[in-house]
Amino acid sequence: MAATTNTHHSTDYSTLPNVSHAITLKLDTNNHPLWLAQIVPVFKSRRLMHFIDGSSECLAHFLKDDIGNLTTNVNPAYEDWIQKDQLVLSWINGSLGLQALFATARYKFARDVWVALQHRYASHNQSRIIQLRTTFFQTKRGDSSIADYLDHINSLADSLALAGSPITDADLVTVIMSNVGPKFENTVGAAQARENLVSYVDLEALLLSAELRLADPTPPVDHFVQAIPVPESQFLSRGWSIILCSQ
């Protein structure tokens, strides 16, 4: 039986726009979540995720004839698959720092490189999550202003979210109330006395307002009473005389 003819039907991926503007961060041991955040959308937007998630396997290099024997005719579907896979691989390699590139240079397919990177940096990411969560739950306000303390706590929460371990609003509020310090215990007590858990936005407003009051504890005085000296003769005829003056 005649072998299937070798007709090339691969897509011309050379016409795709350059993605260097979308992949600017080089992967290293400290930025794996951020690296994922920039590179995964590139693959999804071009419908190429199946080359790294394992759902697309390499096709047979050569065609078979009608009775199942291999021929010398190259499978055009294989060539199309290789073209796309190597495109994905080139984008991944182009986004790697030198250390990461050394670790994966021996792999020839995009999926193999992707798995190697996940194994290499996932454990480091877990260690970073543990460290960040410990810091998040134990950080005290100390002498920091409310604004500086909240900025620091929010920065830790953002880092945890990027690392794949987001902090709930309830946890954020609880940590702040526990660590803001005795100076704001009345404000915290009022927030805790509410029927429903106070939101972060409301708690922030309460603490900032309390900080302003504590910074200037003297209440404003709009009016005062001033005693005006009165001639002694008037004391005898009129008794004590006090004139109220307003300012």
C-alpha atoms as a PDB file:
ATOM      1  CA  MET A   1       0.000   0.000   0.000  1.00  0.00           C
ATOM      2  CA  ALA A   2       1.208   3.482  -0.757  1.00  0.00           C
ATOM      3  CA  ALA A   3       2.360   5.570   2.178  1.00  0.00           C
ATOM      4  CA  THR A   4       0.572   8.752   3.083  1.00  0.00           C
ATOM      5  CA  THR A   5       2.022  11.683   1.194  1.00  0.00           C
ATOM      6  CA  ASN A   6       4.150  14.164   3.107  1.00  0.00           C
ATOM      7  CA  THR A   7       2.141  17.370   3.082  1.00  0.00           C
ATOM      8  CA  HIS A   8       3.136  20.123   5.544  1.00  0.00           C
ATOM      9  CA  HIS A   9       0.221  21.843   7.308  1.00  0.00           C
ATOM     10  CA  SER A  10       2.011  23.573  10.206  1.00  0.00           C
ATOM     11  CA  THR A  11       0.873  26.970  11.337  1.00  0.00           C
ATOM     12  CA  ASP A  12       3.220  29.869  10.662  1.00  0.00           C
ATOM     13  CA  TYR A  13       3.997  31.015  14.204  1.00  0.00           C
ATOM     14  CA  SER A  14       6.645  33.412  12.953  1.00  0.00           C
ATOM     15  CA  THR A  15       3.844  35.920  12.447  1.00  0.00           C
ATOM     16  CA  LEU A  16       3.012  36.032  16.176  1.00  0.00           C
ATOM     17  CA  PRO A  17       3.911  39.316  17.882  1.00  0.00           C
ATOM     18  CA  ASN A  18       7.068  39.466  19.954  1.00  0.00           C
ATOM     19  CA  VAL A  19       6.389  38.657  23.606  1.00  0.00           C
ATOM     20  CA  SER A  20       9.564  40.129  25.077  1.00  0.00           C
ATOM     21  CA  HIS A  21       7.580  43.140  26.305  1.00  0.00           C
ATOM     22  CA  ALA A  22       5.275  40.819  28.266  1.00  0.00           C
ATOM     23  CA  ILE A  23       8.033  38.663  29.793  1.00  0.00           C
ATOM     24  CA  THR A  24      10.475  41.079  31.396  1.00  0.00           C
ATOM     25  CA  LEU A  25      11.166  39.360  34.725  1.00  0.00           C
ATOM     26  CA  LYS A  26      13.951  36.769  34.802  1.00  0.00           C
ATOM     27  CA  LEU A  27      13.211  33.764  37.023  1.00  0.00           C
ATOM     28  CA  ASP A  28      15.358  33.343  40.141  1.00  0.00           C
ATOM     29  CA  THR A  29      14.960  31.710  43.549  1.00  0.00           C
ATOM     30  CA  ASN A  30      12.990  34.642  45.000  1.00  0.00           C
ATOM     31  CA  ASN A  31      10.421  35.537  42.352  1.00  0.00           C
ATOM     32  CA  HIS A  32       8.828  32.286  41.138  1.00  0.00           C
ATOM     33  CA  PRO A  33       5.214  33.429  41.854  1.00  0.00           C
ATOM     34  CA  LEU A  34       5.783  36.722  40.037  1.00  0.00           C
ATOM     35  CA  TRP A  35       7.401  34.907  37.138  1.00  0.00           C
ATOM     36  CA  LEU A  36       4.362  32.624  36.855  1.00  0.00           C
ATOM     37  CA  ALA A  37       2.070  35.644  36.975  1.00  0.00           C
ATOM     38  CA  GLN A  38       3.713  37.111  33.874  1.00  0.00           C
ATOM     39  CA  ILE A  39       4.416  34.015  31.766  1.00  0.00           C
ATOM     40  CA  VAL A  40       1.254  31.920  32.183  1.00  0.00           C
ATOM     41  CA  PRO A  41      -1.047  34.560  30.627  1.00  0.00           C
ATOM     42  CA  VAL A  42       1.250  34.648  27.591  1.00  0.00           C
ATOM     43  CA  PHE A  43       0.700  30.936  26.971  1.00  0.00           C
ATOM     44  CA  LYS A  44      -3.017  31.086  27.718  1.00  0.00           C
ATOM     45  CA  SER A  45      -3.571  34.024  25.380  1.00  0.00           C
ATOM     46  CA  ARG A  46      -2.006  31.997  22.554  1.00  0.00           C
ATOM     47  CA  ARG A  47      -3.685  28.698  23.458  1.00  0.00           C
ATOM     48  CA  LEU A  48      -0.351  27.016  24.155  1.00  0.00           C
ATOM     49  CA  MET A  49      -0.831  25.901  27.769  1.00  0.00           C
ATOM     50  CA  HIS A  50      -1.225  22.255  26.689  1.00  0.00           C
ATOM     51  CA  PHE A  51       2.468  22.204  25.816  1.00  0.00           C
ATOM     52  CA  ILE A  52       3.431  22.732  29.470  1.00  0.00           C
ATOM     53  CA  ASP A  53       0.558  21.171  31.433  1.00  0.00           C
ATOM     54  CA  GLY A  54       1.119  17.664  30.057  1.00  0.00           C
ATOM     55  CA  SER A  55      -2.081  17.388  28.039  1.00  0.00           C
ATOM     56  CA  SER A  56      -0.245  17.421  24.689  1.00  0.00           C
ATOM     57  CA  GLU A  57       2.235  14.661  23.892  1.00  0.00           C
ATOM     58  CA  CYS A  58       4.800  14.566  21.138  1.00  0.00           C
ATOM     59  CA  LEU A  59       3.431  12.919  17.994  1.00  0.00           C
ATOM     60  CA  ALA A  60       5.061  10.197  15.932  1.00  0.00           C
ATOM     61  CA  HIS A  61       7.915  11.490  13.806  1.00  0.00           C
ATOM     62  CA  PHE A  62       7.149   9.310  10.760  1.00  0.00           C
ATOM     63  CA  LEU A  63       3.919   8.250   9.120  1.00  0.00           C
ATOM     64  CA  LYS A  64       2.711   4.667   8.902  1.00  0.00           C
ATOM     65  CA  ASP A  65       1.338   3.001   5.805  1.00  0.00           C
ATOM     66  CA  ASP A  66      -2.073   1.367   5.581  1.00  0.00           C
ATOM     67  CA  ILE A  67      -0.896  -1.834   7.296  1.00  0.00           C
ATOM     68  CA  GLY A  68       0.823  -0.035  10.152  1.00  0.00           C
ATOM     69  CA  ASN A  69       4.442  -0.077   9.050  1.00  0.00           C
ATOM     70  CA  LEU A  70       6.596   3.019   9.498  1.00  0.00           C
ATOM     71  CA  THR A  71       7.592   4.850   6.379  1.00  0.00           C
ATOM     72  CA  THR A  72      10.290   7.420   5.731  1.00  0.00           C
ATOM     73  CA  ASN A  73       7.678  10.121   5.273  1.00  0.00           C
ATOM     74  CA  VAL A  74       7.785  12.733   8.012  1.00  0.00           C
ATOM     75  CA  ASN A  75       4.507  13.266   9.830  1.00  0.00           C
ATOM     76  CA  PRO A  76       3.440  16.885   9.122  1.00  0.00           C
ATOM     77  CA  ALA A  77       1.515  16.940  12.392  1.00  0.00           C
ATOM     78  CA  TYR A  78       4.787  16.118  14.181  1.00  0.00           C
ATOM     79  CA  GLU A  79       6.524  19.033  12.519  1.00  0.00           C
ATOM     80  CA  ASP A  80       3.694  21.361  13.508  1.00  0.00           C
ATOM     81  CA  TRP A  81       3.827  20.093  17.095  1.00  0.00           C
ATOM     82  CA  ILE A  82       7.606  20.518  17.285  1.00  0.00           C
ATOM     83  CA  GLN A  83       7.360  24.042  15.938  1.00  0.00           C
ATOM     84  CA  LYS A  84       4.888  25.081  18.623  1.00  0.00           C
ATOM     85  CA  ASP A  85       6.706  23.233  21.408  1.00  0.00           C
ATOM     86  CA  GLN A  86      10.024  24.845  20.560  1.00  0.00           C
ATOM     87  CA  LEU A  87       8.355  28.242  20.401  1.00  0.00           C
ATOM     88  CA  VAL A  88       7.078  27.739  23.965  1.00  0.00           C
ATOM     89  CA  LEU A  89      10.484  26.428  25.046  1.00  0.00           C
ATOM     90  CA  SER A  90      12.221  29.477  23.598  1.00  0.00           C
ATOM     91  CA  TRP A  91       9.883  31.818  25.507  1.00  0.00           C
ATOM     92  CA  ILE A  92      10.515  29.929  28.743  1.00  0.00           C
ATOM     93  CA  ASN A  93      14.287  29.913  28.269  1.00  0.00           C
ATOM     94  CA  GLY A  94      14.249  33.598  27.417  1.00  0.00           C
ATOM     95  CA  SER A  95      12.611  34.352  30.779  1.00  0.00           C
ATOM     96  CA  LEU A  96      15.081  32.387  32.926  1.00  0.00           C
ATOM     97  CA  GLY A  97      17.892  33.792  34.988  1.00  0.00           C
ATOM     98  CA  LEU A  98      21.343  32.315  34.453  1.00  0.00           C
ATOM     99  CA  GLN A  99      21.082  29.852  37.361  1.00  0.00           C
ATOM    100  CA  ALA A 100      17.692  28.553  36.238  1.00  0.00           C
ATOM    101  CA  LEU A 101      18.871  28.230  32.641  1.00  0.00           C
ATOM    102  CA  PHE A 102      21.873  26.158  33.721  1.00  0.00           C
ATOM    103  CA  ALA A 103      19.545  23.849  35.645  1.00  0.00           C
ATOM    104  CA  THR A 104      17.259  23.165  32.664  1.00  0.00           C
ATOM    105  CA  ALA A 105      19.562  23.425  29.636  1.00  0.00           C
ATOM    106  CA  ARG A 106      19.679  19.634  29.202  1.00  0.00           C
ATOM    107  CA  TYR A 107      15.927  19.376  28.541  1.00  0.00           C
ATOM    108  CA  LYS A 108      14.710  19.506  24.946  1.00  0.00           C
ATOM    109  CA  PHE A 109      10.957  19.933  25.308  1.00  0.00           C
ATOM    110  CA  ALA A 110       8.888  22.666  26.959  1.00  0.00           C
ATOM    111  CA  ARG A 111       7.016  20.302  29.282  1.00  0.00           C
ATOM    112  CA  ASP A 112      10.254  18.814  30.653  1.00  0.00           C
ATOM    113  CA  VAL A 113      11.687  22.246  31.395  1.00  0.00           C
ATOM    114  CA  TRP A 114       8.426  23.364  33.028  1.00  0.00           C
ATOM    115  CA  VAL A 115       8.315  20.333  35.347  1.00  0.00           C
ATOM    116  CA  ALA A 116      11.975  20.779  36.290  1.00  0.00           C
ATOM    117  CA  LEU A 117      11.370  24.429  37.191  1.00  0.00           C
ATOM    118  CA  GLN A 118       8.320  23.561  39.275  1.00  0.00           C
ATOM    119  CA  HIS A 119      10.279  20.934  41.212  1.00  0.00           C
ATOM    120  CA  ARG A 120      13.237  23.247  41.700  1.00  0.00           C
ATOM    121  CA  TYR A 121      11.364  26.319  42.889  1.00  0.00           C
ATOM    122  CA  ALA A 122       8.171  24.946  44.453  1.00  0.00           C
ATOM    123  CA  SER A 123       9.946  23.727  47.602  1.00  0.00           C
ATOM    124  CA  HIS A 124      11.708  27.070  47.927  1.00  0.00           C
ATOM    125  CA  ASN A 125       8.351  28.775  47.558  1.00  0.00           C
ATOM    126  CA  GLN A 126       6.883  26.675  50.390  1.00  0.00           C
ATOM    127  CA  SER A 127       9.748  27.694  52.660  1.00  0.00           C
ATOM    128  CA  ARG A 128       9.160  31.318  51.747  1.00  0.00           C
ATOM    129  CA  ILE A 129       5.438  30.977  52.541  1.00  0.00           C
ATOM    130  CA  ILE A 130       6.232  29.602  56.005  1.00  0.00           C
ATOM    131  CA  GLN A 131       8.664  32.445  56.639  1.00  0.00           C
ATOM    132  CA  LEU A 132       6.220  35.090  55.417  1.00  0.00           C
ATOM    133  CA  ARG A 133       3.310  33.719  57.449  1.00  0.00           C
ATOM    134  CA  THR A 134       5.429  33.639  60.607  1.00  0.00           C
ATOM    135  CA  THR A 135       6.482  37.239  60.052  1.00  0.00           C
ATOM    136  CA  PHE A 136       2.926  38.289  59.216  1.00  0.00           C
ATOM    137  CA  PHE A 137       1.365  36.890  62.395  1.00  0.00           C
ATOM    138  CA  GLN A 138       4.150  38.045  64.734  1.00  0.00           C
ATOM    139  CA  THR A 139       4.936  41.566  63.513  1.00  0.00           C
ATOM    140  CA  LYS A 140       4.202  44.163  66.204  1.00  0.00           C
ATOM    141  CA  ARG A 141       3.594  47.837  65.543  1.00  0.00           C
ATOM    142  CA  GLY A 142       6.315  48.964  67.937  1.00  0.00           C
ATOM    143  CA  ASP A 143       7.068  52.656  67.480  1.00  0.00           C
ATOM    144  CA  SER A 144       5.777  52.786  63.904  1.00  0.00           C
ATOM    145  CA  SER A 145       2.911  55.037  62.954  1.00  0.00           C
ATOM    146  CA  ILE A 146      -0.403  53.410  62.133  1.00  0.00           C
ATOM    147  CA  ALA A 147       0.063  54.189  58.441  1.00  0.00           C
ATOM    148  CA  ASP A 148       3.565  52.663  58.333  1.00  0.00           C
ATOM    149  CA  TYR A 149       2.471  49.588  60.287  1.00  0.00           C
ATOM    150  CA  LEU A 150      -0.533  48.954  58.042  1.00  0.00           C
ATOM    151  CA  ASP A 151       1.618  49.423  54.927  1.00  0.00           C
ATOM    152  CA  HIS A 152       4.047  46.792  56.226  1.00  0.00           C
ATOM    153  CA  ILE A 153       1.305  44.310  57.124  1.00  0.00           C
ATOM    154  CA  ASN A 154      -0.367  44.778  53.745  1.00  0.00           C
ATOM    155  CA  SER A 155       2.962  44.265  51.990  1.00  0.00           C
ATOM    156  CA  LEU A 156       3.367  40.911  53.762  1.00  0.00           C
ATOM    157  CA  ALA A 157      -0.205  39.946  52.859  1.00  0.00           C
ATOM    158  CA  ASP A 158       0.431  40.840  49.192  1.00  0.00           C
ATOM    159  CA  SER A 159       3.609  38.746  49.163  1.00  0.00           C
ATOM    160  CA  LEU A 160       1.717  35.773  50.574  1.00  0.00           C
ATOM    161  CA  ALA A 161      -0.994  36.135  47.948  1.00  0.00           C
ATOM    162  CA  LEU A 162       1.599  36.132  45.189  1.00  0.00           C
ATOM    163  CA  ALA A 163       3.218  33.059  46.736  1.00  0.00           C
ATOM    164  CA  GLY A 164      -0.097  31.214  46.548  1.00  0.00           C
ATOM    165  CA  SER A 165      -1.123  31.548  50.208  1.00  0.00           C
ATOM    166  CA  PRO A 166      -3.558  34.486  50.419  1.00  0.00           C
ATOM    167  CA  ILE A 167      -4.552  36.010  53.747  1.00  0.00           C
ATOM    168  CA  THR A 168      -8.257  36.377  54.488  1.00  0.00           C
ATOM    169  CA  ASP A 169      -9.714  39.725  55.520  1.00  0.00           C
ATOM    170  CA  ALA A 170     -10.615  38.191  58.893  1.00  0.00           C
ATOM    171  CA  ASP A 171      -7.013  37.130  59.499  1.00  0.00           C
ATOM    172  CA  LEU A 172      -5.748  40.558  58.464  1.00  0.00           C
ATOM    173  CA  VAL A 173      -8.083  42.327  60.888  1.00  0.00           C
ATOM    174  CA  THR A 174      -7.319  39.885  63.722  1.00  0.00           C
ATOM    175  CA  VAL A 175      -3.548  40.260  63.343  1.00  0.00           C
ATOM    176  CA  ILE A 176      -3.760  44.054  63.325  1.00  0.00           C
ATOM    177  CA  MET A 177      -5.961  44.204  66.429  1.00  0.00           C
ATOM    178  CA  SER A 178      -3.681  41.744  68.251  1.00  0.00           C
ATOM    179  CA  ASN A 179      -0.426  43.525  67.423  1.00  0.00           C
ATOM    180  CA  VAL A 180      -1.279  47.218  67.220  1.00  0.00           C
ATOM    181  CA  GLY A 181      -0.312  47.670  70.872  1.00  0.00           C
ATOM    182  CA  PRO A 182      -1.842  48.752  74.216  1.00  0.00           C
ATOM    183  CA  LYS A 183      -1.926  52.387  73.142  1.00  0.00           C
ATOM    184  CA  PHE A 184      -4.935  51.568  70.982  1.00  0.00           C
ATOM    185  CA  GLU A 185      -6.643  49.073  73.268  1.00  0.00           C
ATOM    186  CA  ASN A 186      -9.758  51.247  73.615  1.00  0.00           C
ATOM    187  CA  THR A 187     -10.133  51.467  69.836  1.00  0.00           C
ATOM    188  CA  VAL A 188      -9.587  47.734  69.471  1.00  0.00           C
ATOM    189  CA  GLY A 189     -12.090  47.054  72.249  1.00  0.00           C
ATOM    190  CA  ALA A 190     -14.714  49.175  70.524  1.00  0.00           C
ATOM    191  CA  ALA A 191     -14.102  47.340  67.241  1.00  0.00           C
ATOM    192  CA  GLN A 192     -14.349  43.956  68.940  1.00  0.00           C
ATOM    193  CA  ALA A 193     -17.610  44.949  70.632  1.00  0.00           C
ATOM    194  CA  ARG A 194     -19.365  45.247  67.293  1.00  0.00           C
ATOM    195  CA  GLU A 195     -21.900  42.587  66.454  1.00  0.00           C
ATOM    196  CA  ASN A 196     -20.138  41.724  63.183  1.00  0.00           C
ATOM    197  CA  LEU A 197     -16.413  41.509  62.573  1.00  0.00           C
ATOM    198  CA  VAL A 198     -15.092  44.934  61.659  1.00  0.00           C
ATOM    199  CA  SER A 199     -13.804  45.228  58.099  1.00  0.00           C
ATOM    200  CA  TYR A 200     -10.229  46.175  57.344  1.00  0.00           C
ATOM    201  CA  VAL A 201     -11.328  49.498  55.832  1.00  0.00           C
ATOM    202  CA  ASP A 202     -13.314  50.429  58.949  1.00  0.00           C
ATOM    203  CA  LEU A 203     -10.534  49.313  61.297  1.00  0.00           C
ATOM    204  CA  GLU A 204      -7.985  51.373  59.391  1.00  0.00           C
ATOM    205  CA  ALA A 205     -10.187  54.464  59.685  1.00  0.00           C
ATOM    206  CA  LEU A 206     -10.717  53.884  63.428  1.00  0.00           C
ATOM    207  CA  LEU A 207      -7.006  53.479  64.136  1.00  0.00           C
ATOM    208  CA  LEU A 208      -5.956  56.503  62.098  1.00  0.00           C
ATOM    209  CA  SER A 209      -8.591  58.628  63.807  1.00  0.00           C
ATOM    210  CA  ALA A 210      -7.497  57.395  67.245  1.00  0.00           C
ATOM    211  CA  GLU A 211      -3.871  58.171  66.415  1.00  0.00           C
ATOM    212  CA  LEU A 212      -4.808  61.772  65.579  1.00  0.00           C
ATOM    213  CA  ARG A 213      -6.679  62.162  68.860  1.00  0.00           C
ATOM    214  CA  LEU A 214      -3.809  60.706  70.878  1.00  0.00           C
ATOM    215  CA  ALA A 215      -1.332  63.029  69.187  1.00  0.00           C
ATOM    216  CA  ASP A 216      -3.296  66.072  70.419  1.00  0.00           C
ATOM    217  CA  PRO A 217      -5.095  65.085  73.645  1.00  0.00           C
ATOM    218  CA  THR A 218      -6.026  68.669  74.633  1.00  0.00           C
ATOM    219  CA  PRO A 219      -9.642  69.365  73.652  1.00  0.00           C
ATOM    220  CA  PRO A 220     -10.259  72.636  71.802  1.00  0.00           C
ATOM    221  CA  VAL A 221     -11.566  75.509  73.936  1.00  0.00           C
ATOM    222  CA  ASP A 222     -14.077  77.771  72.245  1.00  0.00           C
ATOM    223  CA  HIS A 223     -15.094  79.899  75.225  1.00  0.00           C
ATOM    224  CA  PHE A 224     -13.618  80.784  78.564  1.00  0.00           C
ATOM    225  CA  VAL A 225     -14.646  82.832  81.594  1.00  0.00           C
ATOM    226  CA  GLN A 226     -12.423  85.714  82.626  1.00  0.00           C
ATOM    227  CA  ALA A 227     -12.829  87.671  85.852  1.00  0.00           C
ATOM    228  CA  ILE A 228     -12.531  91.407  85.327  1.00  0.00           C
ATOM    229  CA  PRO A 229     -11.341  93.526  88.270  1.00  0.00           C
ATOM    230  CA  VAL A 230     -14.110  95.764  89.537  1.00  0.00           C
ATOM    231  CA  PRO A 231     -13.613  98.912  91.651  1.00  0.00           C
ATOM    232  CA  GLU A 232     -14.077  98.296  95.364  1.00  0.00           C
ATOM    233  CA  SER A 233     -16.921 100.747  95.517  1.00  0.00           C
ATOM    234  CA  GLN A 234     -18.964  98.633  93.175  1.00  0.00           C
ATOM    235  CA  PHE A 235     -18.435  95.587  95.402  1.00  0.00           C
ATOM    236  CA  LEU A 236     -20.105  97.418  98.196  1.00  0.00           C
ATOM    237  CA  SER A 237     -23.121  98.479  96.179  1.00  0.00           C
ATOM    238  CA  ARG A 238     -23.530  95.624  93.748  1.00  0.00           C
ATOM    239  CA  GLY A 239     -21.672  92.678  95.261  1.00  0.00           C
ATOM    240  CA  TRP A 240     -19.399  90.444  93.131  1.00  0.00           C
ATOM    241  CA  SER A 241     -19.408  91.257  89.440  1.00  0.00           C
ATOM    242  CA  ILE A 242     -18.178  88.810  86.807  1.00  0.00           C
ATOM    243  CA  ILE A 243     -18.136  89.670  83.131  1.00  0.00           C
ATOM    244  CA  LEU A 244     -18.334  86.810  80.651  1.00  0.00           C
ATOM    245  CA  CYS A 245     -16.085  87.228  77.667  1.00  0.00           C
ATOM    246  CA  SER A 246     -16.013  85.020  74.643  1.00  0.00           C
ATOM    247  CA  GLN A 247     -13.102  84.532  72.263  1.00  0.00           C
END
